[in-house]
mmCIF file of all heavy atoms, coordinates in Angstrom:
data_MODEL
# 
_entry.id   MODEL 
# 
loop_
_atom_site.group_PDB 
_atom_site.id 
_atom_site.type_symbol 
_atom_site.label_atom_id 
_atom_site.label_alt_id 
_atom_site.label_comp_id 
_atom_site.label_asym_id 
_atom_site.label_entity_id 
_atom_site.label_seq_id 
_atom_site.pdbx_PDB_ins_code 
_atom_site.Cartn_x 
_atom_site.Cartn_y 
_atom_site.Cartn_z 
_atom_site.occupancy 
_atom_site.B_iso_or_equiv 
_atom_site.pdbx_formal_charge 
_atom_site.auth_seq_id 
_atom_site.auth_comp_id 
_atom_site.auth_asym_id 
_atom_site.auth_atom_id 
_atom_site.pdbx_PDB_model_num 
ATOM 1   N N   . GLY A 1 1  ? 21.765 163.234 -133.044 1.00 0.00 ? 1  GLY A N   1 
ATOM 2   C CA  . GLY A 1 1  ? 22.507 164.217 -132.276 1.00 0.00 ? 1  GLY A CA  1 
ATOM 3   C C   . GLY A 1 1  ? 22.392 165.621 -132.826 1.00 0.00 ? 1  GLY A C   1 
ATOM 4   O O   . GLY A 1 1  ? 21.705 165.871 -133.825 1.00 0.00 ? 1  GLY A O   1 
ATOM 5   N N   . LYS A 1 2  ? 23.083 166.551 -132.204 1.00 0.00 ? 2  LYS A N   1 
ATOM 6   C CA  . LYS A 1 2  ? 23.068 167.940 -132.650 1.00 0.00 ? 2  LYS A CA  1 
ATOM 7   C C   . LYS A 1 2  ? 23.639 168.089 -134.056 1.00 0.00 ? 2  LYS A C   1 
ATOM 8   O O   . LYS A 1 2  ? 23.274 168.997 -134.793 1.00 0.00 ? 2  LYS A O   1 
ATOM 9   C CB  . LYS A 1 2  ? 23.843 168.814 -131.658 1.00 0.00 ? 2  LYS A CB  1 
ATOM 10  C CG  . LYS A 1 2  ? 23.170 168.899 -130.296 1.00 0.00 ? 2  LYS A CG  1 
ATOM 11  C CD  . LYS A 1 2  ? 23.951 169.746 -129.309 1.00 0.00 ? 2  LYS A CD  1 
ATOM 12  C CE  . LYS A 1 2  ? 23.245 169.773 -127.954 1.00 0.00 ? 2  LYS A CE  1 
ATOM 13  N NZ  . LYS A 1 2  ? 23.976 170.545 -126.942 1.00 0.00 ? 2  LYS A NZ  1 
ATOM 14  N N   . ASN A 1 3  ? 24.536 167.169 -134.429 1.00 0.00 ? 3  ASN A N   1 
ATOM 15  C CA  . ASN A 1 3  ? 25.106 167.188 -135.777 1.00 0.00 ? 3  ASN A CA  1 
ATOM 16  C C   . ASN A 1 3  ? 24.200 166.515 -136.796 1.00 0.00 ? 3  ASN A C   1 
ATOM 17  O O   . ASN A 1 3  ? 24.564 166.384 -137.956 1.00 0.00 ? 3  ASN A O   1 
ATOM 18  C CB  . ASN A 1 3  ? 26.477 166.503 -135.778 1.00 0.00 ? 3  ASN A CB  1 
ATOM 19  C CG  . ASN A 1 3  ? 26.445 165.126 -135.134 1.00 0.00 ? 3  ASN A CG  1 
ATOM 20  O OD1 . ASN A 1 3  ? 25.382 164.535 -134.933 1.00 0.00 ? 3  ASN A OD1 1 
ATOM 21  N ND2 . ASN A 1 3  ? 27.619 164.619 -134.804 1.00 0.00 ? 3  ASN A ND2 1 
ATOM 22  N N   . GLN A 1 4  ? 23.002 166.092 -136.335 1.00 0.00 ? 4  GLN A N   1 
ATOM 23  C CA  . GLN A 1 4  ? 22.003 165.430 -137.169 1.00 0.00 ? 4  GLN A CA  1 
ATOM 24  C C   . GLN A 1 4  ? 22.479 164.073 -137.707 1.00 0.00 ? 4  GLN A C   1 
ATOM 25  O O   . GLN A 1 4  ? 21.973 163.569 -138.701 1.00 0.00 ? 4  GLN A O   1 
ATOM 26  C CB  . GLN A 1 4  ? 21.532 166.345 -138.309 1.00 0.00 ? 4  GLN A CB  1 
ATOM 27  C CG  . GLN A 1 4  ? 20.763 167.560 -137.833 1.00 0.00 ? 4  GLN A CG  1 
ATOM 28  C CD  . GLN A 1 4  ? 19.551 167.175 -136.985 1.00 0.00 ? 4  GLN A CD  1 
ATOM 29  O OE1 . GLN A 1 4  ? 18.533 166.730 -137.517 1.00 0.00 ? 4  GLN A OE1 1 
ATOM 30  N NE2 . GLN A 1 4  ? 19.643 167.320 -135.666 1.00 0.00 ? 4  GLN A NE2 1 
ATOM 31  N N   . LEU A 1 5  ? 23.473 163.506 -137.047 1.00 0.00 ? 5  LEU A N   1 
ATOM 32  C CA  . LEU A 1 5  ? 23.897 162.144 -137.341 1.00 0.00 ? 5  LEU A CA  1 
ATOM 33  C C   . LEU A 1 5  ? 23.293 161.202 -136.300 1.00 0.00 ? 5  LEU A C   1 
ATOM 34  O O   . LEU A 1 5  ? 22.973 161.625 -135.190 1.00 0.00 ? 5  LEU A O   1 
ATOM 35  C CB  . LEU A 1 5  ? 25.428 162.029 -137.270 1.00 0.00 ? 5  LEU A CB  1 
ATOM 36  C CG  . LEU A 1 5  ? 26.234 162.885 -138.249 1.00 0.00 ? 5  LEU A CG  1 
ATOM 37  C CD1 . LEU A 1 5  ? 27.728 162.686 -137.996 1.00 0.00 ? 5  LEU A CD1 1 
ATOM 38  C CD2 . LEU A 1 5  ? 25.890 162.546 -139.691 1.00 0.00 ? 5  LEU A CD2 1 
ATOM 39  N N   . LEU A 1 6  ? 23.136 159.931 -136.683 1.00 0.00 ? 6  LEU A N   1 
ATOM 40  C CA  . LEU A 1 6  ? 22.751 158.945 -135.692 1.00 0.00 ? 6  LEU A CA  1 
ATOM 41  C C   . LEU A 1 6  ? 23.940 158.720 -134.764 1.00 0.00 ? 6  LEU A C   1 
ATOM 42  O O   . LEU A 1 6  ? 25.059 158.502 -135.225 1.00 0.00 ? 6  LEU A O   1 
ATOM 43  C CB  . LEU A 1 6  ? 22.369 157.617 -136.347 1.00 0.00 ? 6  LEU A CB  1 
ATOM 44  C CG  . LEU A 1 6  ? 21.940 156.560 -135.319 1.00 0.00 ? 6  LEU A CG  1 
ATOM 45  C CD1 . LEU A 1 6  ? 20.492 156.747 -134.929 1.00 0.00 ? 6  LEU A CD1 1 
ATOM 46  C CD2 . LEU A 1 6  ? 22.198 155.154 -135.831 1.00 0.00 ? 6  LEU A CD2 1 
ATOM 47  N N   . ILE A 1 7  ? 23.703 158.776 -133.457 1.00 0.00 ? 7  ILE A N   1 
ATOM 48  C CA  . ILE A 1 7  ? 24.758 158.516 -132.481 1.00 0.00 ? 7  ILE A CA  1 
ATOM 49  C C   . ILE A 1 7  ? 24.379 157.257 -131.708 1.00 0.00 ? 7  ILE A C   1 
ATOM 50  O O   . ILE A 1 7  ? 23.344 157.219 -131.035 1.00 0.00 ? 7  ILE A O   1 
ATOM 51  C CB  . ILE A 1 7  ? 24.952 159.706 -131.530 1.00 0.00 ? 7  ILE A CB  1 
ATOM 52  C CG1 . ILE A 1 7  ? 25.271 160.975 -132.335 1.00 0.00 ? 7  ILE A CG1 1 
ATOM 53  C CG2 . ILE A 1 7  ? 26.062 159.418 -130.526 1.00 0.00 ? 7  ILE A CG2 1 
ATOM 54  C CD1 . ILE A 1 7  ? 25.489 162.216 -131.510 1.00 0.00 ? 7  ILE A CD1 1 
ATOM 55  N N   . THR A 1 8  ? 25.194 156.225 -131.842 1.00 0.00 ? 8  THR A N   1 
ATOM 56  C CA  . THR A 1 8  ? 24.918 154.952 -131.183 1.00 0.00 ? 8  THR A CA  1 
ATOM 57  C C   . THR A 1 8  ? 25.669 154.871 -129.862 1.00 0.00 ? 8  THR A C   1 
ATOM 58  O O   . THR A 1 8  ? 26.760 155.432 -129.728 1.00 0.00 ? 8  THR A O   1 
ATOM 59  C CB  . THR A 1 8  ? 25.353 153.775 -132.079 1.00 0.00 ? 8  THR A CB  1 
ATOM 60  O OG1 . THR A 1 8  ? 26.791 153.774 -132.198 1.00 0.00 ? 8  THR A OG1 1 
ATOM 61  C CG2 . THR A 1 8  ? 24.740 153.893 -133.469 1.00 0.00 ? 8  THR A CG2 1 
ATOM 62  N N   . PRO A 1 9  ? 25.109 154.173 -128.870 1.00 0.00 ? 9  PRO A N   1 
ATOM 63  C CA  . PRO A 1 9  ? 25.826 154.000 -127.605 1.00 0.00 ? 9  PRO A CA  1 
ATOM 64  C C   . PRO A 1 9  ? 27.161 153.270 -127.796 1.00 0.00 ? 9  PRO A C   1 
ATOM 65  O O   . PRO A 1 9  ? 28.133 153.556 -127.092 1.00 0.00 ? 9  PRO A O   1 
ATOM 66  C CB  . PRO A 1 9  ? 24.858 153.163 -126.757 1.00 0.00 ? 9  PRO A CB  1 
ATOM 67  C CG  . PRO A 1 9  ? 23.507 153.428 -127.336 1.00 0.00 ? 9  PRO A CG  1 
ATOM 68  C CD  . PRO A 1 9  ? 23.744 153.607 -128.808 1.00 0.00 ? 9  PRO A CD  1 
ATOM 69  N N   . GLU A 1 10 ? 27.195 152.337 -128.761 1.00 0.00 ? 10 GLU A N   1 
ATOM 70  C CA  . GLU A 1 10 ? 28.387 151.509 -128.945 1.00 0.00 ? 10 GLU A CA  1 
ATOM 71  C C   . GLU A 1 10 ? 29.508 152.220 -129.708 1.00 0.00 ? 10 GLU A C   1 
ATOM 72  O O   . GLU A 1 10 ? 30.682 152.126 -129.327 1.00 0.00 ? 10 GLU A O   1 
ATOM 73  C CB  . GLU A 1 10 ? 28.037 150.226 -129.724 1.00 0.00 ? 10 GLU A CB  1 
ATOM 74  C CG  . GLU A 1 10 ? 27.057 149.330 -129.022 1.00 0.00 ? 10 GLU A CG  1 
ATOM 75  C CD  . GLU A 1 10 ? 25.597 149.693 -129.277 1.00 0.00 ? 10 GLU A CD  1 
ATOM 76  O OE1 . GLU A 1 10 ? 25.319 150.761 -129.881 1.00 0.00 ? 10 GLU A OE1 1 
ATOM 77  O OE2 . GLU A 1 10 ? 24.728 148.921 -128.861 1.00 0.00 ? 10 GLU A OE2 1 
ATOM 78  N N   . TYR A 1 11 ? 29.172 152.929 -130.776 1.00 0.00 ? 11 TYR A N   1 
ATOM 79  C CA  . TYR A 1 11 ? 30.187 153.484 -131.677 1.00 0.00 ? 11 TYR A CA  1 
ATOM 80  C C   . TYR A 1 11 ? 30.058 154.990 -131.883 1.00 0.00 ? 11 TYR A C   1 
ATOM 81  O O   . TYR A 1 11 ? 30.785 155.559 -132.699 1.00 0.00 ? 11 TYR A O   1 
ATOM 82  C CB  . TYR A 1 11 ? 30.112 152.797 -133.049 1.00 0.00 ? 11 TYR A CB  1 
ATOM 83  C CG  . TYR A 1 11 ? 30.077 151.296 -132.957 1.00 0.00 ? 11 TYR A CG  1 
ATOM 84  C CD1 . TYR A 1 11 ? 28.930 150.583 -133.308 1.00 0.00 ? 11 TYR A CD1 1 
ATOM 85  C CD2 . TYR A 1 11 ? 31.182 150.573 -132.512 1.00 0.00 ? 11 TYR A CD2 1 
ATOM 86  C CE1 . TYR A 1 11 ? 28.887 149.199 -133.226 1.00 0.00 ? 11 TYR A CE1 1 
ATOM 87  C CE2 . TYR A 1 11 ? 31.150 149.186 -132.420 1.00 0.00 ? 11 TYR A CE2 1 
ATOM 88  C CZ  . TYR A 1 11 ? 29.994 148.507 -132.774 1.00 0.00 ? 11 TYR A CZ  1 
ATOM 89  O OH  . TYR A 1 11 ? 29.965 147.142 -132.681 1.00 0.00 ? 11 TYR A OH  1 
ATOM 90  N N   . GLY A 1 12 ? 29.165 155.644 -131.141 1.00 0.00 ? 12 GLY A N   1 
ATOM 91  C CA  . GLY A 1 12 ? 28.930 157.059 -131.390 1.00 0.00 ? 12 GLY A CA  1 
ATOM 92  C C   . GLY A 1 12 ? 28.397 157.248 -132.802 1.00 0.00 ? 12 GLY A C   1 
ATOM 93  O O   . GLY A 1 12 ? 27.667 156.400 -133.328 1.00 0.00 ? 12 GLY A O   1 
ATOM 94  N N   . PRO A 1 13 ? 28.778 158.352 -133.476 1.00 0.00 ? 13 PRO A N   1 
ATOM 95  C CA  . PRO A 1 13 ? 28.308 158.585 -134.840 1.00 0.00 ? 13 PRO A CA  1 
ATOM 96  C C   . PRO A 1 13 ? 29.191 157.901 -135.890 1.00 0.00 ? 13 PRO A C   1 
ATOM 97  O O   . PRO A 1 13 ? 28.973 158.084 -137.093 1.00 0.00 ? 13 PRO A O   1 
ATOM 98  C CB  . PRO A 1 13 ? 28.392 160.107 -134.967 1.00 0.00 ? 13 PRO A CB  1 
ATOM 99  C CG  . PRO A 1 13 ? 29.553 160.470 -134.103 1.00 0.00 ? 13 PRO A CG  1 
ATOM 100 C CD  . PRO A 1 13 ? 29.541 159.503 -132.948 1.00 0.00 ? 13 PRO A CD  1 
ATOM 101 N N   . ARG A 1 14 ? 30.159 157.112 -135.449 1.00 0.00 ? 14 ARG A N   1 
ATOM 102 C CA  . ARG A 1 14 ? 31.128 156.501 -136.370 1.00 0.00 ? 14 ARG A CA  1 
ATOM 103 C C   . ARG A 1 14 ? 30.564 155.239 -137.017 1.00 0.00 ? 14 ARG A C   1 
ATOM 104 O O   . ARG A 1 14 ? 31.114 154.139 -136.894 1.00 0.00 ? 14 ARG A O   1 
ATOM 105 C CB  . ARG A 1 14 ? 32.428 156.209 -135.626 1.00 0.00 ? 14 ARG A CB  1 
ATOM 106 C CG  . ARG A 1 14 ? 33.076 157.468 -135.071 1.00 0.00 ? 14 ARG A CG  1 
ATOM 107 C CD  . ARG A 1 14 ? 34.299 157.160 -134.240 1.00 0.00 ? 14 ARG A CD  1 
ATOM 108 N NE  . ARG A 1 14 ? 34.949 158.397 -133.819 1.00 0.00 ? 14 ARG A NE  1 
ATOM 109 C CZ  . ARG A 1 14 ? 36.242 158.538 -133.632 1.00 0.00 ? 14 ARG A CZ  1 
ATOM 110 N NH1 . ARG A 1 14 ? 37.060 157.518 -133.822 1.00 0.00 ? 14 ARG A NH1 1 
ATOM 111 N NH2 . ARG A 1 14 ? 36.754 159.692 -133.250 1.00 0.00 ? 14 ARG A NH2 1 
ATOM 112 N N   . VAL A 1 15 ? 29.426 155.405 -137.673 1.00 0.00 ? 15 VAL A N   1 
ATOM 113 C CA  . VAL A 1 15 ? 28.768 154.299 -138.362 1.00 0.00 ? 15 VAL A CA  1 
ATOM 114 C C   . VAL A 1 15 ? 28.204 154.795 -139.688 1.00 0.00 ? 15 VAL A C   1 
ATOM 115 O O   . VAL A 1 15 ? 27.998 155.994 -139.887 1.00 0.00 ? 15 VAL A O   1 
ATOM 116 C CB  . VAL A 1 15 ? 27.605 153.705 -137.525 1.00 0.00 ? 15 VAL A CB  1 
ATOM 117 C CG1 . VAL A 1 15 ? 28.110 153.042 -136.261 1.00 0.00 ? 15 VAL A CG1 1 
ATOM 118 C CG2 . VAL A 1 15 ? 26.554 154.765 -137.200 1.00 0.00 ? 15 VAL A CG2 1 
ATOM 119 N N   . ARG A 1 16 ? 27.978 153.854 -140.593 1.00 0.00 ? 16 ARG A N   1 
ATOM 120 C CA  . ARG A 1 16 ? 27.193 154.096 -141.801 1.00 0.00 ? 16 ARG A CA  1 
ATOM 121 C C   . ARG A 1 16 ? 25.981 153.186 -141.718 1.00 0.00 ? 16 ARG A C   1 
ATOM 122 O O   . ARG A 1 16 ? 26.018 152.147 -141.048 1.00 0.00 ? 16 ARG A O   1 
ATOM 123 C CB  . ARG A 1 16 ? 28.011 153.798 -143.065 1.00 0.00 ? 16 ARG A CB  1 
ATOM 124 C CG  . ARG A 1 16 ? 29.222 154.687 -143.267 1.00 0.00 ? 16 ARG A CG  1 
ATOM 125 C CD  . ARG A 1 16 ? 28.850 156.122 -143.589 1.00 0.00 ? 16 ARG A CD  1 
ATOM 126 N NE  . ARG A 1 16 ? 28.064 156.197 -144.814 1.00 0.00 ? 16 ARG A NE  1 
ATOM 127 C CZ  . ARG A 1 16 ? 27.266 157.222 -145.126 1.00 0.00 ? 16 ARG A CZ  1 
ATOM 128 N NH1 . ARG A 1 16 ? 27.132 158.242 -144.298 1.00 0.00 ? 16 ARG A NH1 1 
ATOM 129 N NH2 . ARG A 1 16 ? 26.600 157.230 -146.276 1.00 0.00 ? 16 ARG A NH2 1 
ATOM 130 N N   . LEU A 1 17 ? 24.901 153.553 -142.388 1.00 0.00 ? 17 LEU A N   1 
ATOM 131 C CA  . LEU A 1 17 ? 23.633 152.847 -142.250 1.00 0.00 ? 17 LEU A CA  1 
ATOM 132 C C   . LEU A 1 17 ? 23.071 152.385 -143.586 1.00 0.00 ? 17 LEU A C   1 
ATOM 133 O O   . LEU A 1 17 ? 23.327 152.999 -144.632 1.00 0.00 ? 17 LEU A O   1 
ATOM 134 C CB  . LEU A 1 17 ? 22.596 153.765 -141.597 1.00 0.00 ? 17 LEU A CB  1 
ATOM 135 C CG  . LEU A 1 17 ? 22.928 154.326 -140.214 1.00 0.00 ? 17 LEU A CG  1 
ATOM 136 C CD1 . LEU A 1 17 ? 21.957 155.450 -139.859 1.00 0.00 ? 17 LEU A CD1 1 
ATOM 137 C CD2 . LEU A 1 17 ? 22.866 153.220 -139.167 1.00 0.00 ? 17 LEU A CD2 1 
ATOM 138 N N   . VAL A 1 18 ? 22.291 151.313 -143.528 1.00 0.00 ? 18 VAL A N   1 
ATOM 139 C CA  . VAL A 1 18 ? 21.537 150.862 -144.693 1.00 0.00 ? 18 VAL A CA  1 
ATOM 140 C C   . VAL A 1 18 ? 20.220 150.290 -144.176 1.00 0.00 ? 18 VAL A C   1 
ATOM 141 O O   . VAL A 1 18 ? 20.120 149.883 -143.010 1.00 0.00 ? 18 VAL A O   1 
ATOM 142 C CB  . VAL A 1 18 ? 22.329 149.807 -145.509 1.00 0.00 ? 18 VAL A CB  1 
ATOM 143 C CG1 . VAL A 1 18 ? 22.314 148.442 -144.828 1.00 0.00 ? 18 VAL A CG1 1 
ATOM 144 C CG2 . VAL A 1 18 ? 21.825 149.722 -146.948 1.00 0.00 ? 18 VAL A CG2 1 
ATOM 145 N N   . THR A 1 19 ? 19.202 150.258 -145.037 1.00 0.00 ? 19 THR A N   1 
ATOM 146 C CA  . THR A 1 19 ? 17.861 149.847 -144.617 1.00 0.00 ? 19 THR A CA  1 
ATOM 147 C C   . THR A 1 19 ? 17.223 148.920 -145.634 1.00 0.00 ? 19 THR A C   1 
ATOM 148 O O   . THR A 1 19 ? 17.408 149.082 -146.839 1.00 0.00 ? 19 THR A O   1 
ATOM 149 C CB  . THR A 1 19 ? 16.955 151.092 -144.446 1.00 0.00 ? 19 THR A CB  1 
ATOM 150 O OG1 . THR A 1 19 ? 17.589 152.023 -143.554 1.00 0.00 ? 19 THR A OG1 1 
ATOM 151 C CG2 . THR A 1 19 ? 15.595 150.716 -143.894 1.00 0.00 ? 19 THR A CG2 1 
ATOM 152 N N   . VAL A 1 20 ? 16.460 147.960 -145.126 1.00 0.00 ? 20 VAL A N   1 
ATOM 153 C CA  . VAL A 1 20 ? 15.618 147.106 -145.968 1.00 0.00 ? 20 VAL A CA  1 
ATOM 154 C C   . VAL A 1 20 ? 14.177 147.279 -145.496 1.00 0.00 ? 20 VAL A C   1 
ATOM 155 O O   . VAL A 1 20 ? 13.884 147.076 -144.314 1.00 0.00 ? 20 VAL A O   1 
ATOM 156 C CB  . VAL A 1 20 ? 16.018 145.615 -145.859 1.00 0.00 ? 20 VAL A CB  1 
ATOM 157 C CG1 . VAL A 1 20 ? 15.027 144.741 -146.630 1.00 0.00 ? 20 VAL A CG1 1 
ATOM 158 C CG2 . VAL A 1 20 ? 17.434 145.403 -146.384 1.00 0.00 ? 20 VAL A CG2 1 
ATOM 159 N N   . LEU A 1 21 ? 13.295 147.678 -146.387 1.00 0.00 ? 21 LEU A N   1 
ATOM 160 C CA  . LEU A 1 21 ? 11.871 147.757 -146.062 1.00 0.00 ? 21 LEU A CA  1 
ATOM 161 C C   . LEU A 1 21 ? 11.240 146.392 -146.291 1.00 0.00 ? 21 LEU A C   1 
ATOM 162 O O   . LEU A 1 21 ? 11.599 145.683 -147.233 1.00 0.00 ? 21 LEU A O   1 
ATOM 163 C CB  . LEU A 1 21 ? 11.176 148.799 -146.947 1.00 0.00 ? 21 LEU A CB  1 
ATOM 164 C CG  . LEU A 1 21 ? 11.573 150.259 -146.714 1.00 0.00 ? 21 LEU A CG  1 
ATOM 165 C CD1 . LEU A 1 21 ? 10.873 151.162 -147.731 1.00 0.00 ? 21 LEU A CD1 1 
ATOM 166 C CD2 . LEU A 1 21 ? 11.233 150.703 -145.294 1.00 0.00 ? 21 LEU A CD2 1 
ATOM 167 N N   . THR A 1 22 ? 10.295 146.031 -145.427 1.00 0.00 ? 22 THR A N   1 
ATOM 168 C CA  . THR A 1 22 ? 9.663  144.717 -145.553 1.00 0.00 ? 22 THR A CA  1 
ATOM 169 C C   . THR A 1 22 ? 8.262  144.750 -144.950 1.00 0.00 ? 22 THR A C   1 
ATOM 170 O O   . THR A 1 22 ? 7.918  145.666 -144.187 1.00 0.00 ? 22 THR A O   1 
ATOM 171 C CB  . THR A 1 22 ? 10.513 143.623 -144.865 1.00 0.00 ? 22 THR A CB  1 
ATOM 172 O OG1 . THR A 1 22 ? 9.907  142.345 -145.068 1.00 0.00 ? 22 THR A OG1 1 
ATOM 173 C CG2 . THR A 1 22 ? 10.653 143.890 -143.374 1.00 0.00 ? 22 THR A CG2 1 
ATOM 174 N N   . ASP A 1 23 ? 7.466  143.735 -145.280 1.00 0.00 ? 23 ASP A N   1 
ATOM 175 C CA  . ASP A 1 23 ? 6.164  143.580 -144.635 1.00 0.00 ? 23 ASP A CA  1 
ATOM 176 C C   . ASP A 1 23 ? 6.215  142.456 -143.602 1.00 0.00 ? 23 ASP A C   1 
ATOM 177 O O   . ASP A 1 23 ? 5.188  142.065 -143.045 1.00 0.00 ? 23 ASP A O   1 
ATOM 178 C CB  . ASP A 1 23 ? 5.058  143.331 -145.661 1.00 0.00 ? 23 ASP A CB  1 
ATOM 179 C CG  . ASP A 1 23 ? 5.298  142.089 -146.513 1.00 0.00 ? 23 ASP A CG  1 
ATOM 180 O OD1 . ASP A 1 23 ? 6.375  141.469 -146.396 1.00 0.00 ? 23 ASP A OD1 1 
ATOM 181 O OD2 . ASP A 1 23 ? 4.404  141.739 -147.316 1.00 0.00 ? 23 ASP A OD2 1 
ATOM 182 N N   . ALA A 1 24 ? 7.406  141.937 -143.332 1.00 0.00 ? 24 ALA A N   1 
ATOM 183 C CA  . ALA A 1 24 ? 7.563  140.881 -142.333 1.00 0.00 ? 24 ALA A CA  1 
ATOM 184 C C   . ALA A 1 24 ? 7.254  141.418 -140.932 1.00 0.00 ? 24 ALA A C   1 
ATOM 185 O O   . ALA A 1 24 ? 7.629  142.545 -140.608 1.00 0.00 ? 24 ALA A O   1 
ATOM 186 C CB  . ALA A 1 24 ? 8.985  140.319 -142.377 1.00 0.00 ? 24 ALA A CB  1 
ATOM 187 N N   . PRO A 1 25 ? 6.592  140.626 -140.083 1.00 0.00 ? 25 PRO A N   1 
ATOM 188 C CA  . PRO A 1 25 ? 6.178  141.090 -138.744 1.00 0.00 ? 25 PRO A CA  1 
ATOM 189 C C   . PRO A 1 25 ? 7.304  141.020 -137.718 1.00 0.00 ? 25 PRO A C   1 
ATOM 190 O O   . PRO A 1 25 ? 7.237  140.288 -136.732 1.00 0.00 ? 25 PRO A O   1 
ATOM 191 C CB  . PRO A 1 25 ? 5.042  140.120 -138.387 1.00 0.00 ? 25 PRO A CB  1 
ATOM 192 C CG  . PRO A 1 25 ? 5.459  138.837 -139.047 1.00 0.00 ? 25 PRO A CG  1 
ATOM 193 C CD  . PRO A 1 25 ? 6.124  139.240 -140.351 1.00 0.00 ? 25 PRO A CD  1 
ATOM 194 N N   . LEU A 1 26 ? 8.343  141.808 -137.924 1.00 0.00 ? 26 LEU A N   1 
ATOM 195 C CA  . LEU A 1 26 ? 9.497  141.798 -137.025 1.00 0.00 ? 26 LEU A CA  1 
ATOM 196 C C   . LEU A 1 26 ? 9.205  142.634 -135.775 1.00 0.00 ? 26 LEU A C   1 
ATOM 197 O O   . LEU A 1 26 ? 8.481  143.632 -135.835 1.00 0.00 ? 26 LEU A O   1 
ATOM 198 C CB  . LEU A 1 26 ? 10.715 142.357 -137.756 1.00 0.00 ? 26 LEU A CB  1 
ATOM 199 C CG  . LEU A 1 26 ? 11.118 141.579 -139.022 1.00 0.00 ? 26 LEU A CG  1 
ATOM 200 C CD1 . LEU A 1 26 ? 12.074 142.407 -139.877 1.00 0.00 ? 26 LEU A CD1 1 
ATOM 201 C CD2 . LEU A 1 26 ? 11.736 140.238 -138.654 1.00 0.00 ? 26 LEU A CD2 1 
ATOM 202 N N   . LYS A 1 27 ? 9.782  142.234 -134.653 1.00 0.00 ? 27 LYS A N   1 
ATOM 203 C CA  . LYS A 1 27 ? 9.545  142.937 -133.392 1.00 0.00 ? 27 LYS A CA  1 
ATOM 204 C C   . LYS A 1 27 ? 10.366 144.216 -133.338 1.00 0.00 ? 27 LYS A C   1 
ATOM 205 O O   . LYS A 1 27 ? 11.587 144.182 -133.414 1.00 0.00 ? 27 LYS A O   1 
ATOM 206 C CB  . LYS A 1 27 ? 9.915  142.037 -132.207 1.00 0.00 ? 27 LYS A CB  1 
ATOM 207 C CG  . LYS A 1 27 ? 9.590  142.662 -130.861 1.00 0.00 ? 27 LYS A CG  1 
ATOM 208 C CD  . LYS A 1 27 ? 9.943  141.740 -129.715 1.00 0.00 ? 27 LYS A CD  1 
ATOM 209 C CE  . LYS A 1 27 ? 9.633  142.401 -128.375 1.00 0.00 ? 27 LYS A CE  1 
ATOM 210 N NZ  . LYS A 1 27 ? 9.992  141.521 -127.234 1.00 0.00 ? 27 LYS A NZ  1 
# 
């Protein structure tokens, strides 16, 4: 969004995020 936060359809920007990198062939 304009605030440079991720804005989700479900919760708007009211989320925190985490990531796992992998070589698994996920869709």
